[in-house]
Amino acid sequence: MSYEHTRICMYPRGHSGITMIAMSPLIFLQDLPEMFILYLCVTVLFSVVPDFDALDIYPISKISHRGITHTVWFGIFCSLILFSVLSTVPLPVIELSNQQTVTLSACAAAGVLFHIIGDIINEDAGVAIFNPIIQYEVVLGLVDSTGIKNDILFFVGSGMMFLLLASIS
């Protein structure tokens, strides 16, 4: 990843922080708090997946940044791939119900969407979330993407998760 790319983009900590902040209210809607931890991990993992297009590895490096990986279609694609894997490959540690498999798949799409929201609130280039159908780029420009702001998002999100999880145990 070049300096130019990292200078203008939100960092993984920022995307993870936004995801934890967005997911924190959902902890009270879950019947099984231990499943929420798994849902949170999958959502946070997929919140950083769209930026794999910034890797300097061929052929990934040929994908334009904030291109197809920053669309709702990519979120749906990730969800379908995870659903297919979870439906066909047995996990050695946990047996998932159909509803839990669907929820985990939805978490993958949610992670991608939280990533897109993070990029939309940035002050730099916008995101064409319905590309290639609609080419309009959305940008709110509410924050810049400096490292300290990413750290703040991450620590606020982590703090919210810690307090919520501590309150239910």
N, C-alpha and C. Protein backbone atom coordinates (compact mmCIF):
# COMPACT_ATOMS: atom_id res chain seq x y z
N MET A 1 0.86 -1.17 0.00
CA MET A 1 0.00 0.00 0.00
C MET A 1 0.90 1.23 0.00
N SER A 2 0.65 2.11 -0.91
CA SER A 2 1.51 3.29 -1.02
C SER A 2 1.14 4.34 0.01
N TYR A 3 2.05 5.28 0.24
CA TYR A 3 1.80 6.36 1.18
C TYR A 3 0.61 7.19 0.73
N GLU A 4 0.52 7.44 -0.56
CA GLU A 4 -0.58 8.26 -1.09
C GLU A 4 -1.93 7.65 -0.73
N HIS A 5 -2.04 6.33 -0.83
CA HIS A 5 -3.30 5.67 -0.50
C HIS A 5 -3.60 5.78 0.99
N THR A 6 -2.63 5.47 1.83
CA THR A 6 -2.90 5.47 3.26
C THR A 6 -3.15 6.87 3.78
N ARG A 7 -2.61 7.88 3.11
CA ARG A 7 -2.77 9.25 3.58
C ARG A 7 -4.21 9.72 3.45
N ILE A 8 -4.95 9.26 2.43
CA ILE A 8 -6.28 9.80 2.19
C ILE A 8 -7.40 8.85 2.58
N CYS A 9 -7.10 7.70 3.14
CA CYS A 9 -8.14 6.71 3.43
C CYS A 9 -8.25 6.44 4.92
N MET A 10 -9.45 6.09 5.33
CA MET A 10 -9.66 5.68 6.70
C MET A 10 -8.88 4.39 6.94
N TYR A 11 -8.33 4.26 8.10
CA TYR A 11 -7.54 3.09 8.45
C TYR A 11 -8.44 1.98 8.98
N PRO A 12 -7.93 0.72 9.00
CA PRO A 12 -8.75 -0.37 9.53
C PRO A 12 -9.27 -0.11 10.95
N ARG A 13 -8.49 0.57 11.79
CA ARG A 13 -8.97 0.87 13.15
C ARG A 13 -10.23 1.73 13.10
N GLY A 14 -10.26 2.69 12.20
CA GLY A 14 -11.44 3.55 12.07
C GLY A 14 -12.65 2.78 11.61
N HIS A 15 -12.46 1.91 10.62
CA HIS A 15 -13.58 1.09 10.14
C HIS A 15 -14.06 0.13 11.23
N SER A 16 -13.13 -0.46 11.96
CA SER A 16 -13.50 -1.35 13.07
C SER A 16 -14.26 -0.58 14.15
N GLY A 17 -13.79 0.62 14.46
CA GLY A 17 -14.45 1.45 15.48
C GLY A 17 -15.87 1.81 15.10
N ILE A 18 -16.07 2.24 13.85
CA ILE A 18 -17.41 2.57 13.38
C ILE A 18 -18.31 1.35 13.48
N THR A 19 -17.78 0.19 13.11
CA THR A 19 -18.57 -1.04 13.16
C THR A 19 -18.96 -1.39 14.60
N MET A 20 -18.03 -1.27 15.53
CA MET A 20 -18.36 -1.58 16.93
C MET A 20 -19.37 -0.59 17.50
N ILE A 21 -19.25 0.69 17.13
CA ILE A 21 -20.21 1.68 17.59
C ILE A 21 -21.60 1.36 17.04
N ALA A 22 -21.67 0.99 15.77
CA ALA A 22 -22.95 0.68 15.14
C ALA A 22 -23.54 -0.62 15.68
N MET A 23 -22.70 -1.58 16.02
CA MET A 23 -23.19 -2.88 16.49
C MET A 23 -23.56 -2.87 17.98
N SER A 24 -23.02 -1.94 18.75
CA SER A 24 -23.22 -1.98 20.21
C SER A 24 -24.68 -1.99 20.64
N PRO A 25 -25.58 -1.22 20.02
CA PRO A 25 -26.98 -1.30 20.47
C PRO A 25 -27.62 -2.66 20.22
N LEU A 26 -27.08 -3.42 19.28
CA LEU A 26 -27.69 -4.70 18.94
C LEU A 26 -27.43 -5.79 19.98
N ILE A 27 -26.49 -5.55 20.87
CA ILE A 27 -26.17 -6.57 21.86
C ILE A 27 -27.38 -6.89 22.74
N PHE A 28 -28.22 -5.92 22.96
CA PHE A 28 -29.39 -6.14 23.82
C PHE A 28 -30.52 -6.84 23.08
N LEU A 29 -30.43 -6.95 21.76
CA LEU A 29 -31.46 -7.61 20.98
C LEU A 29 -31.19 -9.10 20.80
N GLN A 30 -30.04 -9.55 21.26
CA GLN A 30 -29.65 -10.94 21.08
C GLN A 30 -30.09 -11.79 22.27
N ASP A 31 -30.60 -12.99 21.96
CA ASP A 31 -30.96 -13.93 23.01
C ASP A 31 -29.72 -14.54 23.65
N LEU A 32 -28.69 -14.76 22.84
CA LEU A 32 -27.48 -15.41 23.32
C LEU A 32 -26.30 -14.46 23.18
N PRO A 33 -25.87 -13.84 24.27
CA PRO A 33 -24.74 -12.90 24.17
C PRO A 33 -23.48 -13.53 23.60
N GLU A 34 -23.27 -14.83 23.84
CA GLU A 34 -22.06 -15.45 23.30
C GLU A 34 -22.10 -15.49 21.77
N MET A 35 -23.27 -15.58 21.17
CA MET A 35 -23.37 -15.52 19.71
C MET A 35 -23.10 -14.10 19.21
N PHE A 36 -23.44 -13.12 20.03
CA PHE A 36 -23.19 -11.75 19.62
C PHE A 36 -21.70 -11.52 19.41
N ILE A 37 -20.86 -12.13 20.23
CA ILE A 37 -19.41 -12.00 20.08
C ILE A 37 -19.00 -12.51 18.70
N LEU A 38 -19.54 -13.64 18.29
CA LEU A 38 -19.22 -14.18 16.97
C LEU A 38 -19.75 -13.25 15.88
N TYR A 39 -20.98 -12.74 16.05
CA TYR A 39 -21.55 -11.81 15.07
C TYR A 39 -20.68 -10.56 14.97
N LEU A 40 -20.24 -10.05 16.09
CA LEU A 40 -19.40 -8.85 16.11
C LEU A 40 -18.08 -9.11 15.39
N CYS A 41 -17.45 -10.25 15.67
CA CYS A 41 -16.16 -10.57 15.04
C CYS A 41 -16.29 -10.66 13.52
N VAL A 42 -17.34 -11.32 13.05
CA VAL A 42 -17.55 -11.43 11.61
C VAL A 42 -17.80 -10.06 10.99
N THR A 43 -18.61 -9.23 11.66
CA THR A 43 -18.91 -7.91 11.13
C THR A 43 -17.66 -7.04 11.08
N VAL A 44 -16.86 -7.06 12.14
CA VAL A 44 -15.62 -6.27 12.17
C VAL A 44 -14.65 -6.78 11.11
N LEU A 45 -14.52 -8.10 10.97
CA LEU A 45 -13.65 -8.66 9.94
C LEU A 45 -14.05 -8.16 8.56
N PHE A 46 -15.34 -8.23 8.25
CA PHE A 46 -15.79 -7.82 6.92
C PHE A 46 -15.81 -6.30 6.75
N SER A 47 -15.68 -5.55 7.85
CA SER A 47 -15.62 -4.09 7.72
C SER A 47 -14.28 -3.62 7.16
N VAL A 48 -13.28 -4.48 7.16
CA VAL A 48 -11.99 -4.11 6.57
C VAL A 48 -11.74 -4.80 5.23
N VAL A 49 -12.56 -5.75 4.86
CA VAL A 49 -12.38 -6.49 3.61
C VAL A 49 -12.43 -5.59 2.36
N PRO A 50 -13.31 -4.59 2.27
CA PRO A 50 -13.34 -3.79 1.03
C PRO A 50 -12.02 -3.13 0.67
N ASP A 51 -11.15 -2.89 1.61
CA ASP A 51 -9.88 -2.24 1.30
C ASP A 51 -8.80 -3.22 0.83
N PHE A 52 -9.18 -4.49 0.61
CA PHE A 52 -8.19 -5.40 0.04
C PHE A 52 -7.79 -4.94 -1.36
N ASP A 53 -8.62 -4.09 -1.96
CA ASP A 53 -8.29 -3.57 -3.29
C ASP A 53 -7.09 -2.62 -3.26
N ALA A 54 -6.63 -2.26 -2.08
CA ALA A 54 -5.47 -1.38 -1.95
C ALA A 54 -4.16 -2.17 -1.84
N LEU A 55 -4.26 -3.49 -1.79
CA LEU A 55 -3.05 -4.31 -1.69
C LEU A 55 -2.25 -4.23 -2.99
N ASP A 56 -0.96 -4.21 -2.84
CA ASP A 56 -0.08 -4.12 -4.00
C ASP A 56 0.33 -5.53 -4.44
N ILE A 57 -0.69 -6.37 -4.70
CA ILE A 57 -0.48 -7.75 -5.11
C ILE A 57 -1.23 -7.96 -6.42
N TYR A 58 -0.55 -8.45 -7.42
CA TYR A 58 -1.20 -8.72 -8.69
C TYR A 58 -2.05 -9.97 -8.55
N PRO A 59 -3.26 -10.07 -9.03
CA PRO A 59 -4.03 -9.13 -9.85
C PRO A 59 -4.90 -8.16 -9.04
N ILE A 60 -4.86 -8.28 -7.70
CA ILE A 60 -5.69 -7.41 -6.86
C ILE A 60 -5.37 -5.94 -7.12
N SER A 61 -4.10 -5.65 -7.37
CA SER A 61 -3.68 -4.26 -7.58
C SER A 61 -4.32 -3.64 -8.82
N LYS A 62 -4.93 -4.46 -9.68
CA LYS A 62 -5.59 -3.94 -10.89
C LYS A 62 -7.02 -3.46 -10.60
N ILE A 63 -7.53 -3.74 -9.41
CA ILE A 63 -8.87 -3.29 -9.02
C ILE A 63 -8.75 -1.87 -8.50
N SER A 64 -9.58 -0.97 -9.00
CA SER A 64 -9.48 0.42 -8.55
C SER A 64 -10.01 0.55 -7.12
N HIS A 65 -9.31 1.38 -6.33
CA HIS A 65 -9.74 1.58 -4.94
C HIS A 65 -11.07 2.34 -4.93
N ARG A 66 -11.93 1.94 -4.02
CA ARG A 66 -13.29 2.44 -3.92
C ARG A 66 -14.08 2.18 -5.19
N GLY A 67 -13.77 1.07 -5.81
CA GLY A 67 -14.50 0.62 -6.99
C GLY A 67 -15.55 -0.40 -6.58
N ILE A 68 -15.50 -1.57 -7.20
CA ILE A 68 -16.52 -2.59 -6.98
C ILE A 68 -16.54 -3.10 -5.54
N THR A 69 -15.41 -3.05 -4.84
CA THR A 69 -15.38 -3.54 -3.45
C THR A 69 -16.05 -2.57 -2.48
N HIS A 70 -16.42 -1.40 -2.96
CA HIS A 70 -17.08 -0.41 -2.12
C HIS A 70 -18.51 -0.18 -2.60
N THR A 71 -19.19 -1.27 -2.92
CA THR A 71 -20.58 -1.20 -3.39
C THR A 71 -21.46 -2.14 -2.57
N VAL A 72 -22.76 -1.90 -2.64
CA VAL A 72 -23.69 -2.81 -1.96
C VAL A 72 -23.62 -4.20 -2.59
N TRP A 73 -23.27 -4.27 -3.86
CA TRP A 73 -23.19 -5.57 -4.55
C TRP A 73 -22.07 -6.42 -3.94
N PHE A 74 -20.98 -5.77 -3.56
CA PHE A 74 -19.88 -6.50 -2.93
C PHE A 74 -20.32 -7.01 -1.55
N GLY A 75 -21.09 -6.23 -0.83
CA GLY A 75 -21.63 -6.67 0.45
C GLY A 75 -22.51 -7.90 0.29
N ILE A 76 -23.37 -7.87 -0.72
CA ILE A 76 -24.24 -9.03 -1.00
C ILE A 76 -23.40 -10.23 -1.40
N PHE A 77 -22.38 -10.00 -2.24
CA PHE A 77 -21.48 -11.07 -2.66
C PHE A 77 -20.79 -11.72 -1.46
N CYS A 78 -20.25 -10.91 -0.57
CA CYS A 78 -19.58 -11.44 0.64
C CYS A 78 -20.55 -12.25 1.48
N SER A 79 -21.77 -11.75 1.60
CA SER A 79 -22.79 -12.44 2.38
C SER A 79 -23.10 -13.81 1.77
N LEU A 80 -23.26 -13.85 0.47
CA LEU A 80 -23.58 -15.11 -0.21
C LEU A 80 -22.43 -16.10 -0.13
N ILE A 81 -21.20 -15.61 -0.26
CA ILE A 81 -20.04 -16.51 -0.13
C ILE A 81 -19.98 -17.09 1.28
N LEU A 82 -20.13 -16.25 2.30
CA LEU A 82 -20.08 -16.75 3.67
C LEU A 82 -21.22 -17.72 3.94
N PHE A 83 -22.41 -17.42 3.45
CA PHE A 83 -23.55 -18.32 3.62
C PHE A 83 -23.26 -19.68 2.98
N SER A 84 -22.70 -19.66 1.77
CA SER A 84 -22.38 -20.91 1.07
C SER A 84 -21.37 -21.74 1.85
N VAL A 85 -20.34 -21.08 2.36
CA VAL A 85 -19.31 -21.79 3.12
C VAL A 85 -19.90 -22.36 4.41
N LEU A 86 -20.63 -21.52 5.16
CA LEU A 86 -21.18 -21.98 6.44
C LEU A 86 -22.23 -23.08 6.26
N SER A 87 -22.91 -23.08 5.12
CA SER A 87 -23.95 -24.09 4.86
C SER A 87 -23.37 -25.42 4.42
N THR A 88 -22.15 -25.41 3.90
CA THR A 88 -21.60 -26.64 3.35
C THR A 88 -20.42 -27.21 4.14
N VAL A 89 -19.71 -26.36 4.85
CA VAL A 89 -18.53 -26.81 5.59
C VAL A 89 -18.85 -26.84 7.08
N PRO A 90 -18.82 -28.03 7.71
CA PRO A 90 -19.11 -28.08 9.15
C PRO A 90 -17.97 -27.44 9.96
N LEU A 91 -18.36 -26.66 10.94
CA LEU A 91 -17.37 -26.02 11.81
C LEU A 91 -17.07 -26.97 12.96
N PRO A 92 -15.79 -27.17 13.28
CA PRO A 92 -15.44 -28.13 14.33
C PRO A 92 -15.76 -27.65 15.74
N VAL A 93 -15.91 -26.36 15.94
CA VAL A 93 -16.06 -25.83 17.29
C VAL A 93 -17.51 -25.58 17.67
N ILE A 94 -18.33 -25.18 16.70
CA ILE A 94 -19.70 -24.78 17.00
C ILE A 94 -20.64 -25.29 15.90
N GLU A 95 -21.82 -25.72 16.33
CA GLU A 95 -22.84 -26.12 15.37
C GLU A 95 -23.82 -24.96 15.23
N LEU A 96 -23.98 -24.47 14.02
CA LEU A 96 -24.84 -23.31 13.77
C LEU A 96 -26.21 -23.73 13.30
N SER A 97 -27.24 -23.06 13.82
CA SER A 97 -28.58 -23.27 13.30
C SER A 97 -28.70 -22.52 11.98
N ASN A 98 -29.77 -22.78 11.25
CA ASN A 98 -30.00 -22.06 9.99
C ASN A 98 -30.11 -20.56 10.23
N GLN A 99 -30.80 -20.18 11.31
CA GLN A 99 -30.96 -18.76 11.60
C GLN A 99 -29.60 -18.11 11.93
N GLN A 100 -28.76 -18.81 12.66
CA GLN A 100 -27.43 -18.27 12.98
C GLN A 100 -26.56 -18.15 11.73
N THR A 101 -26.70 -19.10 10.81
CA THR A 101 -25.96 -19.02 9.54
C THR A 101 -26.41 -17.81 8.74
N VAL A 102 -27.71 -17.58 8.69
CA VAL A 102 -28.23 -16.41 7.97
C VAL A 102 -27.77 -15.12 8.65
N THR A 103 -27.81 -15.10 9.98
CA THR A 103 -27.38 -13.90 10.72
C THR A 103 -25.91 -13.61 10.48
N LEU A 104 -25.06 -14.64 10.51
CA LEU A 104 -23.64 -14.43 10.25
C LEU A 104 -23.41 -13.93 8.83
N SER A 105 -24.17 -14.43 7.89
CA SER A 105 -24.06 -13.96 6.51
C SER A 105 -24.49 -12.51 6.38
N ALA A 106 -25.53 -12.14 7.10
CA ALA A 106 -25.97 -10.75 7.11
C ALA A 106 -24.91 -9.85 7.76
N CYS A 107 -24.20 -10.39 8.75
CA CYS A 107 -23.12 -9.63 9.40
C CYS A 107 -22.01 -9.31 8.41
N ALA A 108 -21.73 -10.22 7.47
CA ALA A 108 -20.72 -9.95 6.45
C ALA A 108 -21.13 -8.75 5.61
N ALA A 109 -22.40 -8.75 5.17
CA ALA A 109 -22.90 -7.61 4.38
C ALA A 109 -22.89 -6.33 5.21
N ALA A 110 -23.27 -6.44 6.48
CA ALA A 110 -23.29 -5.26 7.36
C ALA A 110 -21.88 -4.70 7.53
N GLY A 111 -20.89 -5.56 7.67
CA GLY A 111 -19.51 -5.10 7.80
C GLY A 111 -19.07 -4.30 6.58
N VAL A 112 -19.38 -4.80 5.40
CA VAL A 112 -19.05 -4.06 4.17
C VAL A 112 -19.78 -2.73 4.14
N LEU A 113 -21.06 -2.73 4.53
CA LEU A 113 -21.83 -1.48 4.51
C LEU A 113 -21.31 -0.48 5.54
N PHE A 114 -20.90 -0.95 6.72
CA PHE A 114 -20.30 -0.03 7.71
C PHE A 114 -19.00 0.55 7.18
N HIS A 115 -18.25 -0.24 6.43
CA HIS A 115 -17.02 0.26 5.80
C HIS A 115 -17.36 1.40 4.83
N ILE A 116 -18.36 1.15 4.01
CA ILE A 116 -18.77 2.16 3.02
C ILE A 116 -19.22 3.43 3.72
N ILE A 117 -19.99 3.29 4.80
CA ILE A 117 -20.43 4.47 5.56
C ILE A 117 -19.22 5.23 6.09
N GLY A 118 -18.22 4.50 6.59
CA GLY A 118 -17.00 5.15 7.06
C GLY A 118 -16.32 5.96 5.96
N ASP A 119 -16.29 5.40 4.76
CA ASP A 119 -15.67 6.13 3.65
C ASP A 119 -16.53 7.31 3.19
N ILE A 120 -17.83 7.19 3.29
CA ILE A 120 -18.73 8.28 2.89
C ILE A 120 -18.57 9.48 3.82
N ILE A 121 -18.36 9.24 5.12
CA ILE A 121 -18.25 10.38 6.03
C ILE A 121 -16.88 11.05 5.95
N ASN A 122 -15.92 10.42 5.26
CA ASN A 122 -14.60 11.02 5.05
C ASN A 122 -14.71 12.26 4.17
N GLU A 123 -13.74 13.14 4.28
CA GLU A 123 -13.76 14.38 3.50
C GLU A 123 -13.13 14.23 2.12
N ASP A 124 -12.53 13.08 1.84
CA ASP A 124 -11.90 12.92 0.53
C ASP A 124 -12.88 12.33 -0.48
N ALA A 125 -12.41 11.61 -1.44
CA ALA A 125 -13.22 11.11 -2.55
C ALA A 125 -14.46 10.34 -2.08
N GLY A 126 -15.52 10.45 -2.86
CA GLY A 126 -16.77 9.78 -2.53
C GLY A 126 -16.78 8.31 -2.91
N VAL A 127 -17.93 7.68 -2.68
CA VAL A 127 -18.11 6.26 -2.95
C VAL A 127 -19.37 6.09 -3.79
N ALA A 128 -19.23 5.42 -4.92
CA ALA A 128 -20.38 5.12 -5.79
C ALA A 128 -20.95 3.77 -5.35
N ILE A 129 -21.83 3.80 -4.35
CA ILE A 129 -22.26 2.57 -3.68
C ILE A 129 -23.12 1.65 -4.55
N PHE A 130 -23.71 2.18 -5.63
CA PHE A 130 -24.52 1.36 -6.53
C PHE A 130 -23.86 1.19 -7.89
N ASN A 131 -22.56 1.45 -7.96
CA ASN A 131 -21.81 1.29 -9.20
C ASN A 131 -21.89 -0.17 -9.64
N PRO A 132 -22.04 -0.52 -10.88
CA PRO A 132 -22.06 0.29 -12.08
C PRO A 132 -23.44 0.76 -12.52
N ILE A 133 -24.48 0.44 -11.75
CA ILE A 133 -25.83 0.83 -12.15
C ILE A 133 -26.03 2.34 -12.02
N ILE A 134 -25.64 2.87 -10.87
CA ILE A 134 -25.72 4.32 -10.65
C ILE A 134 -24.30 4.78 -10.33
N GLN A 135 -23.77 5.70 -11.11
CA GLN A 135 -22.39 6.13 -11.00
C GLN A 135 -22.19 7.28 -10.00
N TYR A 136 -23.26 7.78 -9.39
CA TYR A 136 -23.18 8.94 -8.50
C TYR A 136 -22.38 8.60 -7.24
N GLU A 137 -21.37 9.42 -6.95
CA GLU A 137 -20.56 9.21 -5.76
C GLU A 137 -21.12 10.01 -4.58
N VAL A 138 -21.22 9.35 -3.44
CA VAL A 138 -21.73 9.97 -2.23
C VAL A 138 -20.55 10.32 -1.34
N VAL A 139 -20.49 11.56 -0.86
CA VAL A 139 -19.46 11.97 0.08
C VAL A 139 -20.07 13.03 1.00
N LEU A 140 -19.92 12.82 2.30
CA LEU A 140 -20.45 13.79 3.26
C LEU A 140 -19.38 14.74 3.76
N GLY A 141 -18.14 14.27 3.80
CA GLY A 141 -17.03 15.13 4.21
C GLY A 141 -17.12 15.62 5.65
N LEU A 142 -17.59 14.77 6.55
CA LEU A 142 -17.75 15.18 7.95
C LEU A 142 -16.44 15.14 8.74
N VAL A 143 -15.56 14.22 8.39
CA VAL A 143 -14.29 14.08 9.12
C VAL A 143 -13.17 13.84 8.12
N ASP A 144 -11.95 14.14 8.56
CA ASP A 144 -10.83 13.71 7.75
C ASP A 144 -10.38 12.35 8.30
N SER A 145 -9.43 11.76 7.63
CA SER A 145 -9.09 10.39 7.99
C SER A 145 -7.72 10.28 8.65
N THR A 146 -7.40 11.21 9.51
CA THR A 146 -6.11 11.17 10.18
C THR A 146 -6.06 10.00 11.16
N GLY A 147 -4.85 9.57 11.46
CA GLY A 147 -4.66 8.44 12.35
C GLY A 147 -5.29 8.63 13.71
N ILE A 148 -5.21 9.83 14.28
CA ILE A 148 -5.75 10.07 15.62
C ILE A 148 -7.28 9.91 15.62
N LYS A 149 -7.94 10.36 14.58
CA LYS A 149 -9.40 10.21 14.52
C LYS A 149 -9.79 8.75 14.37
N ASN A 150 -9.00 7.99 13.63
CA ASN A 150 -9.24 6.55 13.52
C ASN A 150 -9.06 5.88 14.87
N ASP A 151 -8.01 6.28 15.60
CA ASP A 151 -7.78 5.73 16.93
C ASP A 151 -8.94 6.06 17.88
N ILE A 152 -9.44 7.28 17.80
CA ILE A 152 -10.57 7.67 18.65
C ILE A 152 -11.78 6.81 18.35
N LEU A 153 -12.11 6.63 17.07
CA LEU A 153 -13.24 5.77 16.70
C LEU A 153 -13.04 4.36 17.24
N PHE A 154 -11.82 3.84 17.11
CA PHE A 154 -11.55 2.48 17.58
C PHE A 154 -11.70 2.37 19.10
N PHE A 155 -11.15 3.32 19.83
CA PHE A 155 -11.22 3.25 21.30
C PHE A 155 -12.64 3.50 21.81
N VAL A 156 -13.39 4.38 21.17
CA VAL A 156 -14.79 4.59 21.57
C VAL A 156 -15.59 3.31 21.31
N GLY A 157 -15.41 2.73 20.11
CA GLY A 157 -16.11 1.49 19.80
C GLY A 157 -15.74 0.36 20.73
N SER A 158 -14.45 0.22 21.01
CA SER A 158 -13.98 -0.82 21.93
C SER A 158 -14.53 -0.60 23.34
N GLY A 159 -14.52 0.65 23.76
CA GLY A 159 -15.05 0.97 25.09
C GLY A 159 -16.53 0.66 25.21
N MET A 160 -17.29 1.00 24.17
CA MET A 160 -18.72 0.70 24.18
C MET A 160 -18.95 -0.81 24.26
N MET A 161 -18.19 -1.58 23.48
CA MET A 161 -18.33 -3.03 23.51
C MET A 161 -17.99 -3.58 24.89
N PHE A 162 -16.90 -3.11 25.46
CA PHE A 162 -16.49 -3.59 26.78
C PHE A 162 -17.57 -3.31 27.82
N LEU A 163 -18.08 -2.07 27.84
CA LEU A 163 -19.10 -1.72 28.84
C LEU A 163 -20.39 -2.51 28.65
N LEU A 164 -20.80 -2.69 27.41
CA LEU A 164 -22.03 -3.44 27.16
C LEU A 164 -21.88 -4.91 27.50
N LEU A 165 -20.75 -5.48 27.14
CA LEU A 165 -20.54 -6.89 27.45
C LEU A 165 -20.40 -7.11 28.96
N ALA A 166 -19.76 -6.19 29.64
CA ALA A 166 -19.61 -6.30 31.10
C ALA A 166 -20.97 -6.17 31.79
N SER A 167 -21.87 -5.39 31.22
CA SER A 167 -23.18 -5.17 31.86
C SER A 167 -24.11 -6.37 31.74
N ILE A 168 -23.86 -7.26 30.77
CA ILE A 168 -24.76 -8.41 30.60
C ILE A 168 -24.24 -9.67 31.29
N SER A 169 -23.01 -9.65 31.76
CA SER A 169 -22.49 -10.88 32.38
C SER A 169 -22.78 -10.93 33.86
